Amino acid sequence: MSEDLSLRSLLRDSALSPTEAKILMAHVLEKYYQLPRSALLSRDDMLLQAEAMADWKALETRRLNGEPIAYLVGKRGFHNIELYVAPGVLIPRPETELLVEIGLREIECLDTHVSILDLGTGSGAIALAIAHEAPNAKVTATDQSLAALEIAKINAEQLNVTSRVQFLLGSWYEALDGDMSFDIILSNPPYIAAQDVHLNQGDLRFEPVSALTDHGSGLTCLEKIITGAQLHLNPNGLLALEHGFDQSEAVVALMKLAGLRDIQTHLDLGGHYRVASGRK
């Protein structure tokens, strides 16, 4: 009977994919026994105590019901950092690391004290990944959600970058004092159209709707950020925005209309145009 409750058997008999089952079980082992992930192999004959077993079963059920793994374990790796995440924020995606790379390249070129704005920071992913990698960067991060900013501040503390990141509450540029300007503006705004079927599928069902869609065409927030950029970019300053896989042409057109120059499109790892950038 005991064999049926060993880690090996619980993982083998789980209805989850092996990868997901291991992530959740590793979380249980860390939480109740302070054991590393390697214990899944080295201690695979171990039996879970009642409380840990109940937690494992609850996590397994919640995941089978579609809840995102990142919310269940409370963290997500992004670029070279680990972020605390909870249902109040968008789960950071690998695609968004492209924005971080573009920002870091620009910082390297400027090679001085650089001011950066991350609009709609959520968990703080973009702002904190940059602050973590670039000690010479002074980062301002905004969000209209107080809950999101609280999570971002926790992440800033955990990463020891609080002194270099300023958090401001408000919608896009409204969070800023009028005369604030930056060398780089980055944003991953809501860009899914309101009628997109993906909003009712997978992890998206559990993420904050306001972080996913503009409740319109998908271009509303992108347009606001692009049109407001001229007021808040330093001369030759760079604006880079993440957008949907099929929105590249529309975003480039908006950038041209706003008078930006040196407009470039950037491919993500999946081969989709995912980021557009332009200069003042």
Protein backbone atom coordinates (compact mmCIF):
# COMPACT_ATOMS: atom_id res chain seq x y z
CA MET A 1 0.00 0.00 0.00
CA SER A 2 2.80 2.40 0.88
CA GLU A 3 4.24 1.99 -2.64
CA ASP A 4 1.04 3.51 -4.04
CA LEU A 5 1.78 6.76 -2.19
CA SER A 6 5.47 7.13 -2.99
CA LEU A 7 6.63 10.13 -5.04
CA ARG A 8 7.44 7.77 -7.91
CA SER A 9 3.90 6.33 -7.97
CA LEU A 10 2.14 9.66 -7.45
CA LEU A 11 4.00 11.15 -10.42
CA ARG A 12 3.49 8.06 -12.58
CA ASP A 13 -0.26 7.91 -11.88
CA SER A 14 -0.93 11.64 -12.21
CA ALA A 15 -3.25 12.77 -15.01
CA LEU A 16 -0.96 15.77 -15.54
CA SER A 17 1.86 15.81 -18.06
CA PRO A 18 5.11 14.53 -16.50
CA THR A 19 6.67 18.01 -16.71
CA GLU A 20 3.79 19.74 -14.94
CA ALA A 21 3.46 16.99 -12.32
CA LYS A 22 7.17 17.35 -11.47
CA ILE A 23 6.94 21.16 -11.17
CA LEU A 24 4.02 20.90 -8.72
CA MET A 25 5.56 18.04 -6.74
CA ALA A 26 8.86 19.93 -6.47
CA HIS A 27 6.87 22.87 -5.07
CA VAL A 28 5.30 20.58 -2.43
CA LEU A 29 8.69 19.11 -1.46
CA GLU A 30 10.21 22.57 -1.09
CA LYS A 31 7.24 23.89 0.90
CA TYR A 32 6.87 21.02 3.40
CA TYR A 33 10.32 19.45 3.53
CA GLN A 34 12.73 22.17 2.25
CA LEU A 35 13.94 19.63 -0.30
CA PRO A 36 15.40 20.60 -3.71
CA ARG A 37 13.90 19.48 -7.03
CA SER A 38 16.57 16.76 -7.27
CA ALA A 39 14.71 14.91 -4.47
CA LEU A 40 12.16 13.86 -7.13
CA LEU A 41 14.85 11.40 -8.24
CA SER A 42 17.03 10.86 -5.17
CA ARG A 43 14.08 10.40 -2.79
CA ASP A 44 11.47 8.97 -5.18
CA ASP A 45 10.46 6.27 -2.66
CA MET A 46 9.55 8.94 -0.08
CA LEU A 47 5.98 9.05 1.27
CA LEU A 48 4.16 12.35 1.70
CA GLN A 49 2.70 13.19 5.11
CA ALA A 50 -1.06 13.86 5.19
CA GLU A 51 -0.88 17.66 4.90
CA ALA A 52 1.58 17.55 1.99
CA MET A 53 -0.49 14.85 0.27
CA ALA A 54 -3.66 16.95 0.58
CA ASP A 55 -1.82 19.93 -0.91
CA TRP A 56 -0.47 17.83 -3.79
CA LYS A 57 -3.96 16.52 -4.60
CA ALA A 58 -5.43 20.06 -4.44
CA LEU A 59 -2.72 21.46 -6.72
CA GLU A 60 -3.14 18.57 -9.16
CA THR A 61 -6.91 19.16 -9.34
CA ARG A 62 -6.57 22.91 -9.75
CA ARG A 63 -4.10 22.45 -12.61
CA LEU A 64 -6.38 19.88 -14.27
CA ASN A 65 -9.11 22.53 -14.04
CA GLY A 66 -6.85 24.88 -15.98
CA GLU A 67 -5.29 27.15 -13.36
CA PRO A 68 -1.86 28.37 -14.53
CA ILE A 69 1.16 26.63 -13.01
CA ALA A 70 2.77 30.00 -12.25
CA TYR A 71 -0.14 30.99 -10.00
CA LEU A 72 -0.15 27.58 -8.29
CA VAL A 73 3.54 27.74 -7.35
CA GLY A 74 3.62 31.55 -7.00
CA LYS A 75 6.64 32.18 -9.22
CA ARG A 76 7.85 32.39 -12.78
CA GLY A 77 11.34 32.58 -14.27
CA PHE A 78 11.88 35.52 -16.64
CA HIS A 79 15.10 36.54 -18.37
CA ASN A 80 17.71 36.02 -15.61
CA ILE A 81 15.41 36.58 -12.63
CA GLU A 82 12.64 34.78 -10.77
CA LEU A 83 9.44 36.70 -10.12
CA TYR A 84 6.70 36.25 -7.55
CA VAL A 85 3.38 36.13 -9.43
CA ALA A 86 -0.23 35.97 -8.28
CA PRO A 87 -3.65 36.23 -9.98
CA GLY A 88 -3.51 40.06 -9.94
CA VAL A 89 -0.82 40.18 -12.63
CA LEU A 90 -0.11 38.84 -16.10
CA ILE A 91 2.20 35.83 -16.12
CA PRO A 92 5.49 36.92 -17.79
CA ARG A 93 6.03 35.27 -21.19
CA PRO A 94 9.30 34.30 -22.92
CA GLU A 95 8.32 36.54 -25.88
CA THR A 96 8.55 39.61 -23.64
CA GLU A 97 12.23 38.90 -22.97
CA LEU A 98 12.78 40.37 -26.45
CA LEU A 99 11.82 43.82 -25.07
CA VAL A 100 14.36 43.39 -22.28
CA GLU A 101 17.10 42.47 -24.78
CA ILE A 102 16.30 45.53 -26.93
CA GLY A 103 16.40 47.74 -23.83
CA LEU A 104 19.72 46.28 -22.64
CA ARG A 105 21.31 46.72 -26.09
CA GLU A 106 20.28 50.37 -26.12
CA ILE A 107 21.67 50.88 -22.59
CA GLU A 108 24.98 49.41 -23.75
CA CYS A 109 25.10 51.81 -26.69
CA LEU A 110 24.35 54.84 -24.51
CA ASP A 111 26.95 53.74 -21.94
CA THR A 112 25.95 56.32 -19.33
CA HIS A 113 23.29 56.79 -16.67
CA VAL A 114 20.17 55.82 -18.59
CA SER A 115 16.54 56.59 -17.70
CA ILE A 116 13.99 53.94 -18.62
CA LEU A 117 10.19 53.86 -18.46
CA ASP A 118 8.23 50.59 -18.28
CA LEU A 119 4.55 51.31 -18.92
CA GLY A 120 2.08 48.80 -17.45
CA THR A 121 4.71 46.93 -15.47
CA GLY A 122 2.50 44.18 -13.98
CA SER A 123 4.74 41.93 -11.89
CA GLY A 124 7.65 44.23 -12.73
CA ALA A 125 9.13 41.77 -15.23
CA ILE A 126 10.61 44.19 -17.79
CA ALA A 127 11.63 46.91 -15.33
CA LEU A 128 13.24 44.52 -12.85
CA ALA A 129 15.02 42.35 -15.43
CA ILE A 130 16.66 45.54 -16.74
CA ALA A 131 17.45 46.92 -13.27
CA HIS A 132 18.98 43.54 -12.36
CA GLU A 133 21.25 43.49 -15.44
CA ALA A 134 22.09 47.20 -15.78
CA PRO A 135 23.22 48.92 -12.55
CA ASN A 136 23.57 52.25 -14.41
CA ALA A 137 19.85 52.29 -15.35
CA LYS A 138 17.33 54.39 -13.44
CA VAL A 139 13.96 52.71 -14.02
CA THR A 140 10.43 54.09 -13.62
CA ALA A 141 7.59 51.55 -13.73
CA THR A 142 3.90 52.43 -13.94
CA ASP A 143 0.67 50.49 -13.64
CA GLN A 144 -2.98 51.42 -13.19
CA SER A 145 -3.45 48.44 -10.85
CA LEU A 146 -2.49 48.94 -7.21
CA ALA A 147 -2.48 45.14 -6.72
CA ALA A 148 0.02 44.76 -9.57
CA LEU A 149 2.31 47.46 -8.15
CA GLU A 150 2.30 45.76 -4.74
CA ILE A 151 3.48 42.53 -6.39
CA ALA A 152 6.11 44.42 -8.42
CA LYS A 153 7.42 46.08 -5.23
CA ILE A 154 7.77 42.68 -3.53
CA ASN A 155 9.79 41.49 -6.53
CA ALA A 156 11.98 44.60 -6.44
CA GLU A 157 12.77 43.92 -2.77
CA GLN A 158 13.56 40.26 -3.42
CA LEU A 159 15.93 41.27 -6.24
CA ASN A 160 17.56 44.04 -4.19
CA VAL A 161 16.91 46.77 -6.77
CA THR A 162 14.39 48.92 -4.85
CA SER A 163 16.72 51.94 -4.79
CA ARG A 164 16.90 52.04 -8.60
CA VAL A 165 13.24 51.47 -9.49
CA GLN A 166 10.47 54.00 -8.94
CA PHE A 167 6.88 52.73 -9.04
CA LEU A 168 4.03 55.06 -10.03
CA LEU A 169 0.28 54.42 -10.01
CA GLY A 170 -1.72 55.49 -13.06
CA SER A 171 -2.80 54.68 -16.59
CA TRP A 172 0.09 54.93 -19.07
CA TYR A 173 1.63 58.44 -19.13
CA GLU A 174 -0.98 59.80 -16.69
CA ALA A 175 1.12 58.28 -13.90
CA LEU A 176 4.02 60.65 -14.73
CA ASP A 177 4.73 64.23 -13.77
CA GLY A 178 4.31 66.30 -16.92
CA ASP A 179 7.97 67.03 -17.58
CA MET A 180 9.38 63.52 -17.01
CA SER A 181 11.33 62.23 -20.03
CA PHE A 182 13.34 59.09 -20.73
CA ASP A 183 16.03 57.62 -22.95
CA ILE A 184 14.02 54.41 -23.42
CA ILE A 185 10.29 53.64 -23.15
CA LEU A 186 9.26 49.96 -23.12
CA SER A 187 5.82 48.41 -22.82
CA ASN A 188 3.92 45.16 -23.19
CA PRO A 189 0.37 46.56 -23.18
CA PRO A 190 -2.93 44.68 -23.57
CA TYR A 191 -3.14 43.95 -27.31
CA ILE A 192 -5.61 41.06 -27.67
CA ALA A 193 -8.84 42.13 -29.40
CA ALA A 194 -11.98 41.85 -27.26
CA GLN A 195 -13.57 39.20 -29.51
CA ASP A 196 -10.44 36.98 -29.70
CA VAL A 197 -11.35 33.36 -28.85
CA HIS A 198 -8.02 32.85 -27.02
CA LEU A 199 -9.32 34.92 -24.09
CA ASN A 200 -11.55 31.96 -23.20
CA GLN A 201 -8.82 29.33 -23.53
CA GLY A 202 -5.96 27.97 -21.42
CA ASP A 203 -4.13 30.12 -18.88
CA LEU A 204 -5.68 33.33 -20.23
CA ARG A 205 -9.01 32.46 -18.56
CA PHE A 206 -7.36 33.01 -15.16
CA GLU A 207 -5.27 36.10 -15.89
CA PRO A 208 -6.49 39.69 -15.32
CA VAL A 209 -8.58 40.63 -18.36
CA SER A 210 -7.40 44.26 -18.24
CA ALA A 211 -3.80 43.08 -18.76
CA LEU A 212 -4.76 41.07 -21.86
CA THR A 213 -7.28 43.08 -23.87
CA ASP A 214 -8.14 46.75 -24.42
CA HIS A 215 -11.82 45.65 -24.72
CA GLY A 216 -11.66 46.90 -28.30
CA SER A 217 -9.60 46.32 -31.45
CA GLY A 218 -6.42 45.39 -29.61
CA LEU A 219 -4.68 48.55 -30.86
CA THR A 220 -6.14 51.16 -28.47
CA CYS A 221 -3.43 50.96 -25.78
CA LEU A 222 -0.65 50.64 -28.36
CA GLU A 223 -1.91 53.80 -30.07
CA LYS A 224 -2.07 55.74 -26.78
CA ILE A 225 1.51 54.79 -25.92
CA ILE A 226 2.82 55.64 -29.40
CA THR A 227 1.07 59.02 -29.65
CA GLY A 228 2.18 60.04 -26.14
CA ALA A 229 5.80 58.99 -26.59
CA GLN A 230 7.04 62.23 -28.21
CA LEU A 231 6.28 64.16 -25.00
CA HIS A 232 8.23 61.78 -22.79
CA LEU A 233 11.19 60.68 -24.92
CA ASN A 234 14.54 62.45 -24.83
CA PRO A 235 15.98 63.45 -28.25
CA ASN A 236 16.89 60.26 -30.14
CA GLY A 237 15.09 58.29 -27.39
CA LEU A 238 13.87 54.77 -28.18
CA LEU A 239 10.30 53.44 -27.92
CA ALA A 240 9.85 49.65 -28.14
CA LEU A 241 6.49 47.90 -27.85
CA GLU A 242 5.35 44.31 -27.79
CA HIS A 243 2.31 43.59 -29.98
CA GLY A 244 0.28 40.69 -31.36
CA PHE A 245 1.71 38.34 -34.00
CA ASP A 246 -0.51 39.93 -36.68
CA GLN A 247 -0.28 43.61 -35.61
CA SER A 248 3.19 44.55 -36.87
CA GLU A 249 2.03 46.53 -39.93
CA ALA A 250 -0.59 48.45 -37.94
CA VAL A 251 1.88 49.35 -35.19
CA VAL A 252 4.54 50.49 -37.70
CA ALA A 253 1.89 52.67 -39.41
CA LEU A 254 0.98 54.24 -36.03
CA MET A 255 4.66 54.95 -35.34
CA LYS A 256 5.09 56.65 -38.72
CA LEU A 257 1.97 58.70 -38.10
CA ALA A 258 3.37 59.80 -34.72
CA GLY A 259 6.55 61.06 -36.40
CA LEU A 260 8.93 58.40 -35.08
CA ARG A 261 11.94 57.52 -37.23
CA ASP A 262 14.34 54.57 -37.57
CA ILE A 263 11.34 52.23 -37.16
CA GLN A 264 12.32 48.57 -36.88
CA THR A 265 10.46 45.29 -36.45
CA HIS A 266 11.82 42.46 -34.30
CA LEU A 267 11.16 38.71 -34.50
CA ASP A 268 10.49 36.55 -31.43
CA LEU A 269 11.84 33.02 -31.02
CA GLY A 270 8.72 31.64 -32.72
CA GLY A 271 9.50 33.63 -35.88
CA HIS A 272 6.66 36.14 -35.38
CA TYR A 273 7.10 39.92 -35.57
CA ARG A 274 6.53 40.65 -31.87
CA VAL A 275 8.14 44.04 -31.15
CA ALA A 276 8.27 47.33 -33.05
CA SER A 277 10.67 50.10 -32.15
CA GLY A 278 11.19 53.69 -33.25
CA ARG A 279 13.08 56.83 -32.26
CA LYS A 280 12.12 60.41 -31.51
